[in-house]
Amino acid sequence: DELSLAAVLRSPFFAVDDDSLLALARARREQGGTLLDHGHVLNPEPHRRLKRATEIIAELRNKRGALEVPHLVALAYDLTQARELNLTRFAGLQRHANLEKFLEVAEKYPAAGNNHLTGFLQWLQHAAGTSEAEAMVDSEESDSVKIMTIHASKGLEFPVVILPSCSTGLTPSYGSMLVDDEGRIAFKYPWDC
């Protein structure tokens, strides 16, 4: 439907701006067709984005039925660069993990003997009513740096903890490294906060 199409065009995957969508809607109302049919009313950059969207949507439509649902989802991710795009946005790792979780859900659909996109979309609409936790981004065993407040870290244990003193005027009197009786180390580093 046209509302869903407008939402996809406006999404970060195609980034067609509101003014261009309004121009497309006016042209569609006056001349008929779909939003995709009226790129001629747009400036060059939005026209290029609409053309890309039209090509991707056409390819996905052509593959519908020929590919199993998870392969179609993976193709959509690849064509729209959804993984890469979401990694560049705020909370990118969480967004990326959610995309991968959605792909895992899509992989379960044909395993249950189903492979129709319409049925999958109806199943998704039904599943959207249930509460589902977001995908896990990392675990305590992951090879990563976690930045958190003292309050958020309460009760957690990590092999290395760095506490930057961004706002204090304290200077350690034992040089840049301190070691306590239990072997814990603290460093003074000239942070620019």
C-alpha atoms as a PDB file:
ATOM      1  CA  ASP A   1       0.000   0.000   0.000  1.00  0.00           C
ATOM      2  CA  GLU A   2       1.057   3.609  -0.556  1.00  0.00           C
ATOM      3  CA  LEU A   3       1.451   4.471   3.137  1.00  0.00           C
ATOM      4  CA  SER A   4       3.890   1.601   3.670  1.00  0.00           C
ATOM      5  CA  LEU A   5       5.700   2.545   0.480  1.00  0.00           C
ATOM      6  CA  ALA A   6       6.023   6.167   1.673  1.00  0.00           C
ATOM      7  CA  ALA A   7       7.389   4.920   5.005  1.00  0.00           C
ATOM      8  CA  VAL A   8       9.999   2.790   3.239  1.00  0.00           C
ATOM      9  CA  LEU A   9      10.992   5.644   0.926  1.00  0.00           C
ATOM     10  CA  ARG A  10      11.361   8.005   3.895  1.00  0.00           C
ATOM     11  CA  SER A  11      13.316   5.440   5.927  1.00  0.00           C
ATOM     12  CA  PRO A  12      17.113   5.643   6.244  1.00  0.00           C
ATOM     13  CA  PHE A  13      17.357   2.911   3.590  1.00  0.00           C
ATOM     14  CA  PHE A  14      16.306   5.333   0.829  1.00  0.00           C
ATOM     15  CA  ALA A  15      16.182   8.712   2.624  1.00  0.00           C
ATOM     16  CA  VAL A  16      13.653  10.423   0.380  1.00  0.00           C
ATOM     17  CA  ASP A  17      12.852  13.703   2.145  1.00  0.00           C
ATOM     18  CA  ASP A  18       9.374  14.909   3.106  1.00  0.00           C
ATOM     19  CA  ASP A  19       9.175  17.605   0.413  1.00  0.00           C
ATOM     20  CA  SER A  20       9.963  15.018  -2.264  1.00  0.00           C
ATOM     21  CA  LEU A  21       7.350  12.631  -0.858  1.00  0.00           C
ATOM     22  CA  LEU A  22       4.785  15.425  -0.950  1.00  0.00           C
ATOM     23  CA  ALA A  23       5.673  16.162  -4.587  1.00  0.00           C
ATOM     24  CA  LEU A  24       5.347  12.449  -5.404  1.00  0.00           C
ATOM     25  CA  ALA A  25       1.971  12.239  -3.644  1.00  0.00           C
ATOM     26  CA  ARG A  26       0.660  15.266  -5.544  1.00  0.00           C
ATOM     27  CA  ALA A  27       1.850  13.832  -8.857  1.00  0.00           C
ATOM     28  CA  ARG A  28       0.277  10.457  -8.020  1.00  0.00           C
ATOM     29  CA  ARG A  29      -3.027  12.134  -7.133  1.00  0.00           C
ATOM     30  CA  GLU A  30      -3.045  14.143 -10.377  1.00  0.00           C
ATOM     31  CA  GLN A  31      -1.631  11.545 -12.769  1.00  0.00           C
ATOM     32  CA  GLY A  32      -2.350   8.169 -11.141  1.00  0.00           C
ATOM     33  CA  GLY A  33       0.083   5.307 -10.713  1.00  0.00           C
ATOM     34  CA  THR A  34       2.207   4.842  -7.610  1.00  0.00           C
ATOM     35  CA  LEU A  35       4.724   7.028  -5.831  1.00  0.00           C
ATOM     36  CA  LEU A  36       7.470   5.185  -7.701  1.00  0.00           C
ATOM     37  CA  ASP A  37       6.116   6.339 -11.079  1.00  0.00           C
ATOM     38  CA  HIS A  38       6.726  10.069 -10.636  1.00  0.00           C
ATOM     39  CA  GLY A  39      10.458  10.602 -10.211  1.00  0.00           C
ATOM     40  CA  HIS A  40      10.327  13.210 -12.975  1.00  0.00           C
ATOM     41  CA  VAL A  41       8.876  15.757 -10.489  1.00  0.00           C
ATOM     42  CA  LEU A  42      11.909  15.499  -8.182  1.00  0.00           C
ATOM     43  CA  ASN A  43      15.232  17.302  -7.997  1.00  0.00           C
ATOM     44  CA  PRO A  44      18.275  15.246  -9.094  1.00  0.00           C
ATOM     45  CA  GLU A  45      19.320  13.829  -5.684  1.00  0.00           C
ATOM     46  CA  PRO A  46      15.857  12.702  -4.533  1.00  0.00           C
ATOM     47  CA  HIS A  47      15.264  11.392  -8.062  1.00  0.00           C
ATOM     48  CA  ARG A  48      18.437   9.274  -7.786  1.00  0.00           C
ATOM     49  CA  ARG A  49      17.260   7.922  -4.407  1.00  0.00           C
ATOM     50  CA  LEU A  50      13.804   7.123  -5.777  1.00  0.00           C
ATOM     51  CA  LYS A  51      15.339   5.368  -8.786  1.00  0.00           C
ATOM     52  CA  ARG A  52      17.503   3.248  -6.468  1.00  0.00           C
ATOM     53  CA  ALA A  53      14.437   2.413  -4.331  1.00  0.00           C
ATOM     54  CA  THR A  54      12.446   1.497  -7.451  1.00  0.00           C
ATOM     55  CA  GLU A  55      15.202  -0.845  -8.652  1.00  0.00           C
ATOM     56  CA  ILE A  56      15.587  -2.536  -5.261  1.00  0.00           C
ATOM     57  CA  ILE A  57      11.839  -2.952  -4.767  1.00  0.00           C
ATOM     58  CA  ALA A  58      11.503  -4.370  -8.297  1.00  0.00           C
ATOM     59  CA  GLU A  59      14.296  -6.878  -7.666  1.00  0.00           C
ATOM     60  CA  LEU A  60      12.747  -7.970  -4.372  1.00  0.00           C
ATOM     61  CA  ARG A  61       9.332  -8.343  -6.040  1.00  0.00           C
ATOM     62  CA  ASN A  62      10.886 -10.449  -8.805  1.00  0.00           C
ATOM     63  CA  LYS A  63      12.576 -12.736  -6.257  1.00  0.00           C
ATOM     64  CA  ARG A  64       9.418 -13.117  -4.148  1.00  0.00           C
ATOM     65  CA  GLY A  65       8.294 -16.725  -4.451  1.00  0.00           C
ATOM     66  CA  ALA A  66      11.583 -17.799  -6.025  1.00  0.00           C
ATOM     67  CA  LEU A  67      13.517 -17.378  -2.761  1.00  0.00           C
ATOM     68  CA  GLU A  68      12.647 -18.691   0.669  1.00  0.00           C
ATOM     69  CA  VAL A  69      11.607 -15.954   3.112  1.00  0.00           C
ATOM     70  CA  PRO A  70      14.948 -15.793   4.997  1.00  0.00           C
ATOM     71  CA  HIS A  71      16.878 -15.511   1.725  1.00  0.00           C
ATOM     72  CA  LEU A  72      14.557 -12.722   0.611  1.00  0.00           C
ATOM     73  CA  VAL A  73      15.138 -10.910   3.930  1.00  0.00           C
ATOM     74  CA  ALA A  74      18.911 -11.365   3.571  1.00  0.00           C
ATOM     75  CA  LEU A  75      18.736 -10.036   0.003  1.00  0.00           C
ATOM     76  CA  ALA A  76      16.792  -6.988   1.221  1.00  0.00           C
ATOM     77  CA  TYR A  77      19.491  -6.406   3.857  1.00  0.00           C
ATOM     78  CA  ASP A  78      22.201  -6.649   1.202  1.00  0.00           C
ATOM     79  CA  LEU A  79      20.506  -4.458  -1.404  1.00  0.00           C
ATOM     80  CA  THR A  80      19.618  -1.705   1.075  1.00  0.00           C
ATOM     81  CA  GLN A  81      22.880  -2.066   3.015  1.00  0.00           C
ATOM     82  CA  ALA A  82      20.731  -2.336   6.146  1.00  0.00           C
ATOM     83  CA  ARG A  83      23.476  -3.873   8.279  1.00  0.00           C
ATOM     84  CA  GLU A  84      26.048  -1.245   7.408  1.00  0.00           C
ATOM     85  CA  LEU A  85      23.555   1.595   7.666  1.00  0.00           C
ATOM     86  CA  ASN A  86      22.340   0.558  11.096  1.00  0.00           C
ATOM     87  CA  LEU A  87      25.877   0.188  12.408  1.00  0.00           C
ATOM     88  CA  THR A  88      26.476   3.864  11.613  1.00  0.00           C
ATOM     89  CA  ARG A  89      23.380   5.050  13.509  1.00  0.00           C
ATOM     90  CA  PHE A  90      22.834   5.690  17.207  1.00  0.00           C
ATOM     91  CA  ALA A  91      22.807   2.383  19.134  1.00  0.00           C
ATOM     92  CA  GLY A  92      24.123   0.749  15.966  1.00  0.00           C
ATOM     93  CA  LEU A  93      25.265  -2.481  17.576  1.00  0.00           C
ATOM     94  CA  GLN A  94      21.825  -3.007  19.108  1.00  0.00           C
ATOM     95  CA  ARG A  95      20.135  -2.222  15.786  1.00  0.00           C
ATOM     96  CA  HIS A  96      22.461  -4.639  14.003  1.00  0.00           C
ATOM     97  CA  ALA A  97      21.790  -7.367  16.587  1.00  0.00           C
ATOM     98  CA  ASN A  98      18.040  -6.817  16.134  1.00  0.00           C
ATOM     99  CA  LEU A  99      18.389  -7.196  12.353  1.00  0.00           C
ATOM    100  CA  GLU A 100      20.230 -10.476  12.839  1.00  0.00           C
ATOM    101  CA  LYS A 101      17.592 -11.640  15.318  1.00  0.00           C
ATOM    102  CA  PHE A 102      14.871 -10.816  12.777  1.00  0.00           C
ATOM    103  CA  LEU A 103      16.754 -12.902  10.196  1.00  0.00           C
ATOM    104  CA  GLU A 104      16.885 -15.785  12.695  1.00  0.00           C
ATOM    105  CA  VAL A 105      13.118 -15.479  13.164  1.00  0.00           C
ATOM    106  CA  ALA A 106      12.661 -15.496   9.380  1.00  0.00           C
ATOM    107  CA  GLU A 107      14.795 -18.649   9.155  1.00  0.00           C
ATOM    108  CA  LYS A 108      12.415 -20.465  11.516  1.00  0.00           C
ATOM    109  CA  TYR A 109       9.424 -19.742   9.281  1.00  0.00           C
ATOM    110  CA  PRO A 110      10.308 -22.070   6.340  1.00  0.00           C
ATOM    111  CA  ALA A 111      11.649 -24.652   8.797  1.00  0.00           C
ATOM    112  CA  ALA A 112       8.065 -24.990  10.022  1.00  0.00           C
ATOM    113  CA  GLY A 113       6.966 -25.897   6.485  1.00  0.00           C
ATOM    114  CA  ASN A 114       6.023 -22.378   5.384  1.00  0.00           C
ATOM    115  CA  ASN A 115       7.497 -20.320   2.597  1.00  0.00           C
ATOM    116  CA  HIS A 116       4.919 -17.740   1.540  1.00  0.00           C
ATOM    117  CA  LEU A 117       5.793 -14.090   2.058  1.00  0.00           C
ATOM    118  CA  THR A 118       2.154 -13.131   2.638  1.00  0.00           C
ATOM    119  CA  GLY A 119       1.821 -15.740   5.370  1.00  0.00           C
ATOM    120  CA  PHE A 120       5.101 -14.599   6.915  1.00  0.00           C
ATOM    121  CA  LEU A 121       3.899 -10.990   6.989  1.00  0.00           C
ATOM    122  CA  GLN A 122       0.629 -12.039   8.607  1.00  0.00           C
ATOM    123  CA  TRP A 123       2.552 -14.139  11.120  1.00  0.00           C
ATOM    124  CA  LEU A 124       4.797 -11.136  11.862  1.00  0.00           C
ATOM    125  CA  GLN A 125       1.804  -8.898  12.384  1.00  0.00           C
ATOM    126  CA  HIS A 126       0.406 -11.393  14.878  1.00  0.00           C
ATOM    127  CA  ALA A 127       3.810 -11.800  16.566  1.00  0.00           C
ATOM    128  CA  ALA A 128       4.182  -8.018  16.849  1.00  0.00           C
ATOM    129  CA  GLY A 129       1.450  -8.097  19.482  1.00  0.00           C
ATOM    130  CA  THR A 130       3.637 -10.221  21.761  1.00  0.00           C
ATOM    131  CA  SER A 131       6.464  -8.751  23.783  1.00  0.00           C
ATOM    132  CA  GLU A 132       9.870  -9.812  22.580  1.00  0.00           C
ATOM    133  CA  ALA A 133      13.157  -8.770  24.130  1.00  0.00           C
ATOM    134  CA  GLU A 134      15.733  -7.052  21.995  1.00  0.00           C
ATOM    135  CA  ALA A 135      18.638  -9.122  20.753  1.00  0.00           C
ATOM    136  CA  MET A 136      21.649  -9.475  22.999  1.00  0.00           C
ATOM    137  CA  VAL A 137      24.496  -7.271  21.835  1.00  0.00           C
ATOM    138  CA  ASP A 138      27.323  -8.749  23.839  1.00  0.00           C
ATOM    139  CA  SER A 139      28.028 -10.764  26.926  1.00  0.00           C
ATOM    140  CA  GLU A 140      30.424 -10.375  29.801  1.00  0.00           C
ATOM    141  CA  GLU A 141      32.767 -12.771  28.000  1.00  0.00           C
ATOM    142  CA  SER A 142      32.934 -10.629  24.855  1.00  0.00           C
ATOM    143  CA  ASP A 143      36.188  -9.009  23.875  1.00  0.00           C
ATOM    144  CA  SER A 144      34.961  -5.454  24.267  1.00  0.00           C
ATOM    145  CA  VAL A 145      35.261  -2.317  26.326  1.00  0.00           C
ATOM    146  CA  LYS A 146      32.214  -1.364  28.363  1.00  0.00           C
ATOM    147  CA  ILE A 147      31.732   2.235  29.365  1.00  0.00           C
ATOM    148  CA  MET A 148      29.269   2.602  32.205  1.00  0.00           C
ATOM    149  CA  THR A 149      28.531   4.711  35.214  1.00  0.00           C
ATOM    150  CA  ILE A 150      29.579   3.616  38.674  1.00  0.00           C
ATOM    151  CA  HIS A 151      25.913   3.042  39.489  1.00  0.00           C
ATOM    152  CA  ALA A 152      25.354   0.807  36.463  1.00  0.00           C
ATOM    153  CA  SER A 153      28.434  -1.265  37.304  1.00  0.00           C
ATOM    154  CA  LYS A 154      27.386  -1.926  40.889  1.00  0.00           C
ATOM    155  CA  GLY A 155      27.619  -5.629  41.642  1.00  0.00           C
ATOM    156  CA  LEU A 156      29.448  -6.486  38.407  1.00  0.00           C
ATOM    157  CA  GLU A 157      32.995  -7.814  38.236  1.00  0.00           C
ATOM    158  CA  PHE A 158      35.468  -7.196  35.437  1.00  0.00           C
ATOM    159  CA  PRO A 159      39.125  -8.264  35.165  1.00  0.00           C
ATOM    160  CA  VAL A 160      40.198  -4.667  34.379  1.00  0.00           C
ATOM    161  CA  VAL A 161      38.478  -1.504  35.555  1.00  0.00           C
ATOM    162  CA  ILE A 162      39.557   1.985  34.561  1.00  0.00           C
ATOM    163  CA  LEU A 163      38.141   4.924  36.482  1.00  0.00           C
ATOM    164  CA  PRO A 164      38.985   8.195  34.741  1.00  0.00           C
ATOM    165  CA  SER A 165      39.130  11.190  37.053  1.00  0.00           C
ATOM    166  CA  CYS A 166      37.863  13.762  34.605  1.00  0.00           C
ATOM    167  CA  SER A 167      36.800  16.386  37.084  1.00  0.00           C
ATOM    168  CA  THR A 168      39.058  15.973  40.070  1.00  0.00           C
ATOM    169  CA  GLY A 169      42.184  17.889  40.909  1.00  0.00           C
ATOM    170  CA  LEU A 170      43.767  14.960  42.763  1.00  0.00           C
ATOM    171  CA  THR A 171      47.209  13.861  41.720  1.00  0.00           C
ATOM    172  CA  PRO A 172      48.621  10.590  42.987  1.00  0.00           C
ATOM    173  CA  SER A 173      51.754  11.029  45.018  1.00  0.00           C
ATOM    174  CA  TYR A 174      53.235   7.717  43.847  1.00  0.00           C
ATOM    175  CA  GLY A 175      53.695   8.486  40.156  1.00  0.00           C
ATOM    176  CA  SER A 176      51.350   7.419  37.373  1.00  0.00           C
ATOM    177  CA  MET A 177      50.714   3.858  38.616  1.00  0.00           C
ATOM    178  CA  LEU A 178      49.326   2.745  41.965  1.00  0.00           C
ATOM    179  CA  VAL A 179      49.177  -0.849  43.186  1.00  0.00           C
ATOM    180  CA  ASP A 180      47.219  -1.824  46.282  1.00  0.00           C
ATOM    181  CA  ASP A 181      47.878  -4.758  48.629  1.00  0.00           C
ATOM    182  CA  GLU A 182      45.648  -7.088  46.574  1.00  0.00           C
ATOM    183  CA  GLY A 183      47.472  -6.374  43.299  1.00  0.00           C
ATOM    184  CA  ARG A 184      44.852  -4.064  41.801  1.00  0.00           C
ATOM    185  CA  ILE A 185      46.327  -1.371  39.595  1.00  0.00           C
ATOM    186  CA  ALA A 186      45.236   2.193  39.027  1.00  0.00           C
ATOM    187  CA  PHE A 187      46.773   4.478  36.399  1.00  0.00           C
ATOM    188  CA  LYS A 188      46.791   8.230  36.199  1.00  0.00           C
ATOM    189  CA  TYR A 189      46.337   9.235  32.593  1.00  0.00           C
ATOM    190  CA  PRO A 190      46.032  12.806  31.324  1.00  0.00           C
ATOM    191  CA  TRP A 191      42.437  12.521  30.086  1.00  0.00           C
ATOM    192  CA  ASP A 192      41.029  15.413  28.105  1.00  0.00           C
ATOM    193  CA  CYS A 193      37.408  15.379  29.170  1.00  0.00           C
END
